[in-house]
PDB file of all heavy atoms in Angstrom:
ATOM      1  N   ASN A   1      13.844  25.520  -0.133  1.00  0.00           N
ATOM      2  CA  ASN A   1      13.210  24.513   0.710  1.00  0.00           C
ATOM      3  C   ASN A   1      14.295  23.840   1.537  1.00  0.00           C
ATOM      4  O   ASN A   1      15.418  23.652   1.068  1.00  0.00           O
ATOM      5  CB  ASN A   1      12.501  23.466  -0.159  1.00  0.00           C
ATOM      6  CG  ASN A   1      11.968  22.306   0.649  1.00  0.00           C
ATOM      7  OD1 ASN A   1      10.965  22.428   1.346  1.00  0.00           O
ATOM      8  ND2 ASN A   1      12.642  21.157   0.570  1.00  0.00           N
ATOM      9  N   THR A   2      13.945  23.465   2.754  1.00  0.00           N
ATOM     10  CA  THR A   2      14.890  22.793   3.635  1.00  0.00           C
ATOM     11  C   THR A   2      14.421  21.385   3.948  1.00  0.00           C
ATOM     12  O   THR A   2      13.286  21.194   4.407  1.00  0.00           O
ATOM     13  CB  THR A   2      15.069  23.562   4.955  1.00  0.00           C
ATOM     14  OG1 THR A   2      15.536  24.885   4.675  1.00  0.00           O
ATOM     15  CG2 THR A   2      16.069  22.863   5.863  1.00  0.00           C
ATOM     16  N   ILE A   3      15.274  20.402   3.684  1.00  0.00           N
ATOM     17  CA  ILE A   3      15.066  19.048   4.189  1.00  0.00           C
ATOM     18  C   ILE A   3      15.661  19.003   5.595  1.00  0.00           C
ATOM     19  O   ILE A   3      16.818  19.365   5.784  1.00  0.00           O
ATOM     20  CB  ILE A   3      15.754  17.998   3.306  1.00  0.00           C
ATOM     21  CG1 ILE A   3      15.203  18.034   1.876  1.00  0.00           C
ATOM     22  CG2 ILE A   3      15.595  16.596   3.895  1.00  0.00           C
ATOM     23  CD1 ILE A   3      15.983  17.143   0.910  1.00  0.00           C
ATOM     24  N   SER A   4      14.872  18.571   6.568  1.00  0.00           N
ATOM     25  CA  SER A   4      15.351  18.499   7.945  1.00  0.00           C
ATOM     26  C   SER A   4      15.494  17.052   8.376  1.00  0.00           C
ATOM     27  O   SER A   4      14.545  16.269   8.277  1.00  0.00           O
ATOM     28  CB  SER A   4      14.392  19.223   8.895  1.00  0.00           C
ATOM     29  OG  SER A   4      14.395  20.612   8.634  1.00  0.00           O
ATOM     30  N   ILE A   5      16.688  16.710   8.858  1.00  0.00           N
ATOM     31  CA  ILE A   5      16.950  15.391   9.420  1.00  0.00           C
ATOM     32  C   ILE A   5      17.011  15.554  10.934  1.00  0.00           C
ATOM     33  O   ILE A   5      17.825  16.314  11.454  1.00  0.00           O
ATOM     34  CB  ILE A   5      18.271  14.811   8.904  1.00  0.00           C
ATOM     35  CG1 ILE A   5      18.274  14.761   7.374  1.00  0.00           C
ATOM     36  CG2 ILE A   5      18.512  13.422   9.477  1.00  0.00           C
ATOM     37  CD1 ILE A   5      19.632  14.433   6.779  1.00  0.00           C
ATOM     38  N   VAL A   6      16.130  14.860  11.628  1.00  0.00           N
ATOM     39  CA  VAL A   6      16.047  14.968  13.079  1.00  0.00           C
ATOM     40  C   VAL A   6      16.452  13.633  13.698  1.00  0.00           C
ATOM     41  O   VAL A   6      15.842  12.598  13.409  1.00  0.00           O
ATOM     42  CB  VAL A   6      14.628  15.343  13.531  1.00  0.00           C
ATOM     43  CG1 VAL A   6      14.540  15.375  15.046  1.00  0.00           C
ATOM     44  CG2 VAL A   6      14.234  16.696  12.947  1.00  0.00           C
ATOM     45  N   ALA A   7      17.483  13.654  14.539  1.00  0.00           N
ATOM     46  CA  ALA A   7      17.932  12.460  15.253  1.00  0.00           C
ATOM     47  C   ALA A   7      17.600  12.628  16.726  1.00  0.00           C
ATOM     48  O   ALA A   7      17.836  13.683  17.327  1.00  0.00           O
ATOM     49  CB  ALA A   7      19.429  12.257  15.070  1.00  0.00           C
ATOM     50  N   CYS A   8      17.036  11.563  17.309  1.00  0.00           N
ATOM     51  CA  CYS A   8      16.662  11.584  18.720  1.00  0.00           C
ATOM     52  C   CYS A   8      16.587  10.151  19.207  1.00  0.00           C
ATOM     53  O   CYS A   8      16.058   9.276  18.506  1.00  0.00           O
ATOM     54  CB  CYS A   8      15.312  12.279  18.890  1.00  0.00           C
ATOM     55  SG  CYS A   8      14.728  12.406  20.592  1.00  0.00           S
ATOM     56  N   ASP A   9      17.102   9.897  20.379  1.00  0.00           N
ATOM     57  CA  ASP A   9      17.062   8.552  20.973  1.00  0.00           C
ATOM     58  C   ASP A   9      17.646   7.492  20.042  1.00  0.00           C
ATOM     59  O   ASP A   9      17.185   6.351  20.009  1.00  0.00           O
ATOM     60  CB  ASP A   9      15.628   8.159  21.346  1.00  0.00           C
ATOM     61  CG  ASP A   9      15.083   8.972  22.510  1.00  0.00           C
ATOM     62  OD1 ASP A   9      15.894   9.581  23.238  1.00  0.00           O
ATOM     63  OD2 ASP A   9      13.861   8.988  22.706  1.00  0.00           O
ATOM     64  N   GLY A  10      18.651   7.878  19.258  1.00  0.00           N
ATOM     65  CA  GLY A  10      19.303   6.930  18.375  1.00  0.00           C
ATOM     66  C   GLY A  10      18.560   6.631  17.094  1.00  0.00           C
ATOM     67  O   GLY A  10      18.970   5.752  16.321  1.00  0.00           O
ATOM     68  N   LEU A  11      17.469   7.352  16.822  1.00  0.00           N
ATOM     69  CA  LEU A  11      16.672   7.144  15.617  1.00  0.00           C
ATOM     70  C   LEU A  11      16.699   8.410  14.761  1.00  0.00           C
ATOM     71  O   LEU A  11      16.902   9.514  15.259  1.00  0.00           O
ATOM     72  CB  LEU A  11      15.235   6.786  15.992  1.00  0.00           C
ATOM     73  CG  LEU A  11      15.092   5.508  16.834  1.00  0.00           C
ATOM     74  CD1 LEU A  11      13.652   5.328  17.282  1.00  0.00           C
ATOM     75  CD2 LEU A  11      15.570   4.289  16.061  1.00  0.00           C
ATOM     76  N   LYS A  12      16.470   8.227  13.447  1.00  0.00           N
ATOM     77  CA  LYS A  12      16.672   9.345  12.521  1.00  0.00           C
ATOM     78  C   LYS A  12      15.507   9.444  11.538  1.00  0.00           C
ATOM     79  O   LYS A  12      15.176   8.482  10.848  1.00  0.00           O
ATOM     80  CB  LYS A  12      17.998   9.151  11.779  1.00  0.00           C
ATOM     81  CG  LYS A  12      18.428  10.361  10.960  1.00  0.00           C
ATOM     82  CD  LYS A  12      19.912  10.311  10.622  1.00  0.00           C
ATOM     83  CE  LYS A  12      20.294   9.144   9.738  1.00  0.00           C
ATOM     84  NZ  LYS A  12      21.678   9.287   9.229  1.00  0.00           N
ATOM     85  N   VAL A  13      14.921  10.651  11.479  1.00  0.00           N
ATOM     86  CA  VAL A  13      13.771  10.933  10.632  1.00  0.00           C
ATOM     87  C   VAL A  13      14.102  12.123   9.734  1.00  0.00           C
ATOM     88  O   VAL A  13      14.673  13.118  10.195  1.00  0.00           O
ATOM     89  CB  VAL A  13      12.531  11.275  11.482  1.00  0.00           C
ATOM     90  CG1 VAL A  13      11.366  11.713  10.606  1.00  0.00           C
ATOM     91  CG2 VAL A  13      12.137  10.083  12.348  1.00  0.00           C
ATOM     92  N   ALA A  14      13.711  12.043   8.454  1.00  0.00           N
ATOM     93  CA  ALA A  14      13.891  13.167   7.534  1.00  0.00           C
ATOM     94  C   ALA A  14      12.542  13.619   6.997  1.00  0.00           C
ATOM     95  O   ALA A  14      11.737  12.798   6.521  1.00  0.00           O
ATOM     96  CB  ALA A  14      14.800  12.783   6.377  1.00  0.00           C
ATOM     97  N   HIS A  15      12.289  14.918   7.093  1.00  0.00           N
ATOM     98  CA  HIS A  15      11.106  15.538   6.494  1.00  0.00           C
ATOM     99  C   HIS A  15      11.590  16.362   5.307  1.00  0.00           C
ATOM    100  O   HIS A  15      12.423  17.250   5.451  1.00  0.00           O
ATOM    101  CB  HIS A  15      10.401  16.425   7.521  1.00  0.00           C
ATOM    102  CG  HIS A  15       9.097  16.975   7.057  1.00  0.00           C
ATOM    103  ND1 HIS A  15       9.014  18.011   6.160  1.00  0.00           N
ATOM    104  CD2 HIS A  15       7.804  16.627   7.352  1.00  0.00           C
ATOM    105  CE1 HIS A  15       7.736  18.293   5.933  1.00  0.00           C
ATOM    106  NE2 HIS A  15       6.984  17.460   6.643  1.00  0.00           N
ATOM    107  N   PHE A  16      11.056  16.061   4.126  1.00  0.00           N
ATOM    108  CA  PHE A  16      11.567  16.643   2.888  1.00  0.00           C
ATOM    109  C   PHE A  16      10.907  17.961   2.523  1.00  0.00           C
ATOM    110  O   PHE A  16      11.285  18.575   1.517  1.00  0.00           O
ATOM    111  CB  PHE A  16      11.413  15.645   1.745  1.00  0.00           C
ATOM    112  CG  PHE A  16      12.414  14.522   1.758  1.00  0.00           C
ATOM    113  CD1 PHE A  16      12.378  13.535   2.730  1.00  0.00           C
ATOM    114  CD2 PHE A  16      13.405  14.450   0.794  1.00  0.00           C
ATOM    115  CE1 PHE A  16      13.296  12.497   2.754  1.00  0.00           C
ATOM    116  CE2 PHE A  16      14.335  13.414   0.797  1.00  0.00           C
ATOM    117  CZ  PHE A  16      14.279  12.436   1.784  1.00  0.00           C
ATOM    118  N   GLY A  17       9.930  18.422   3.314  1.00  0.00           N
ATOM    119  CA  GLY A  17       9.283  19.690   3.023  1.00  0.00           C
ATOM    120  C   GLY A  17       8.644  19.697   1.652  1.00  0.00           C
ATOM    121  O   GLY A  17       8.108  18.687   1.182  1.00  0.00           O
ATOM    122  N   ASP A  18       8.694  20.844   0.987  1.00  0.00           N
ATOM    123  CA  ASP A  18       8.176  20.980  -0.381  1.00  0.00           C
ATOM    124  C   ASP A  18       9.320  20.840  -1.378  1.00  0.00           C
ATOM    125  O   ASP A  18       9.572  21.739  -2.194  1.00  0.00           O
ATOM    126  CB  ASP A  18       7.482  22.335  -0.553  1.00  0.00           C
ATOM    127  CG  ASP A  18       5.976  22.224  -0.379  1.00  0.00           C
ATOM    128  OD1 ASP A  18       5.487  21.148   0.007  1.00  0.00           O
ATOM    129  OD2 ASP A  18       5.275  23.222  -0.633  1.00  0.00           O
ATOM    130  N   LEU A  19      10.011  19.743  -1.312  1.00  0.00           N
ATOM    131  CA  LEU A  19      11.129  19.508  -2.225  1.00  0.00           C
ATOM    132  C   LEU A  19      10.641  19.547  -3.666  1.00  0.00           C
ATOM    133  O   LEU A  19       9.733  18.802  -4.038  1.00  0.00           O
ATOM    134  CB  LEU A  19      11.769  18.154  -1.924  1.00  0.00           C
ATOM    135  CG  LEU A  19      12.953  17.756  -2.797  1.00  0.00           C
ATOM    136  CD1 LEU A  19      14.142  18.674  -2.551  1.00  0.00           C
ATOM    137  CD2 LEU A  19      13.324  16.301  -2.549  1.00  0.00           C
ATOM    138  N   GLY A  20      11.280  20.397  -4.474  1.00  0.00           N
ATOM    139  CA  GLY A  20      10.863  20.542  -5.866  1.00  0.00           C
ATOM    140  C   GLY A  20      11.899  20.108  -6.864  1.00  0.00           C
ATOM    141  O   GLY A  20      11.721  20.301  -8.076  1.00  0.00           O
ATOM    142  N   CYS A  21      12.990  19.529  -6.395  1.00  0.00           N
ATOM    143  CA  CYS A  21      14.072  19.097  -7.280  1.00  0.00           C
ATOM    144  C   CYS A  21      14.686  17.827  -6.711  1.00  0.00           C
ATOM    145  O   CYS A  21      14.532  17.530  -5.522  1.00  0.00           O
ATOM    146  CB  CYS A  21      15.137  20.192  -7.397  1.00  0.00           C
ATOM    147  SG  CYS A  21      15.884  20.648  -5.806  1.00  0.00           S
ATOM    148  N   VAL A  22      15.378  17.106  -7.555  1.00  0.00           N
ATOM    149  CA  VAL A  22      16.076  15.907  -7.092  1.00  0.00           C
ATOM    150  C   VAL A  22      17.373  16.338  -6.414  1.00  0.00           C
ATOM    151  O   VAL A  22      18.164  17.085  -7.001  1.00  0.00           O
ATOM    152  CB  VAL A  22      16.373  14.964  -8.269  1.00  0.00           C
ATOM    153  CG1 VAL A  22      17.195  13.762  -7.804  1.00  0.00           C
ATOM    154  CG2 VAL A  22      15.063  14.500  -8.907  1.00  0.00           C
ATOM    155  N   PRO A  23      17.620  15.927  -5.186  1.00  0.00           N
ATOM    156  CA  PRO A  23      18.853  16.328  -4.489  1.00  0.00           C
ATOM    157  C   PRO A  23      20.102  15.850  -5.224  1.00  0.00           C
ATOM    158  O   PRO A  23      20.071  14.852  -5.966  1.00  0.00           O
ATOM    159  CB  PRO A  23      18.725  15.642  -3.126  1.00  0.00           C
ATOM    160  CG  PRO A  23      17.258  15.421  -2.945  1.00  0.00           C
ATOM    161  CD  PRO A  23      16.731  15.148  -4.318  1.00  0.00           C
ATOM    162  N   THR A  24      21.198  16.543  -4.989  1.00  0.00           N
ATOM    163  CA  THR A  24      22.471  16.137  -5.566  1.00  0.00           C
ATOM    164  C   THR A  24      22.975  14.871  -4.876  1.00  0.00           C
ATOM    165  O   THR A  24      22.486  14.490  -3.811  1.00  0.00           O
ATOM    166  CB  THR A  24      23.515  17.239  -5.402  1.00  0.00           C
ATOM    167  OG1 THR A  24      23.801  17.400  -4.002  1.00  0.00           O
ATOM    168  CG2 THR A  24      23.015  18.568  -5.973  1.00  0.00           C
ATOM    169  N   GLU A  25      23.972  14.243  -5.465  1.00  0.00           N
ATOM    170  CA  GLU A  25      24.542  13.042  -4.851  1.00  0.00           C
ATOM    171  C   GLU A  25      25.132  13.355  -3.477  1.00  0.00           C
ATOM    172  O   GLU A  25      25.030  12.549  -2.545  1.00  0.00           O
ATOM    173  CB  GLU A  25      25.608  12.433  -5.766  1.00  0.00           C
ATOM    174  CG  GLU A  25      25.047  11.852  -7.056  1.00  0.00           C
ATOM    175  CD  GLU A  25      24.056  10.728  -6.823  1.00  0.00           C
ATOM    176  OE1 GLU A  25      24.298   9.908  -5.909  1.00  0.00           O
ATOM    177  OE2 GLU A  25      23.039  10.662  -7.531  1.00  0.00           O
TER     178      GLU A  25
END
């Protein structure tokens, strides 16, 4: 699964998709 971070116009959005595990630090 891919978490996508999209930055545009100085703002930042993350879509976590079908995340099935806790991300690492």
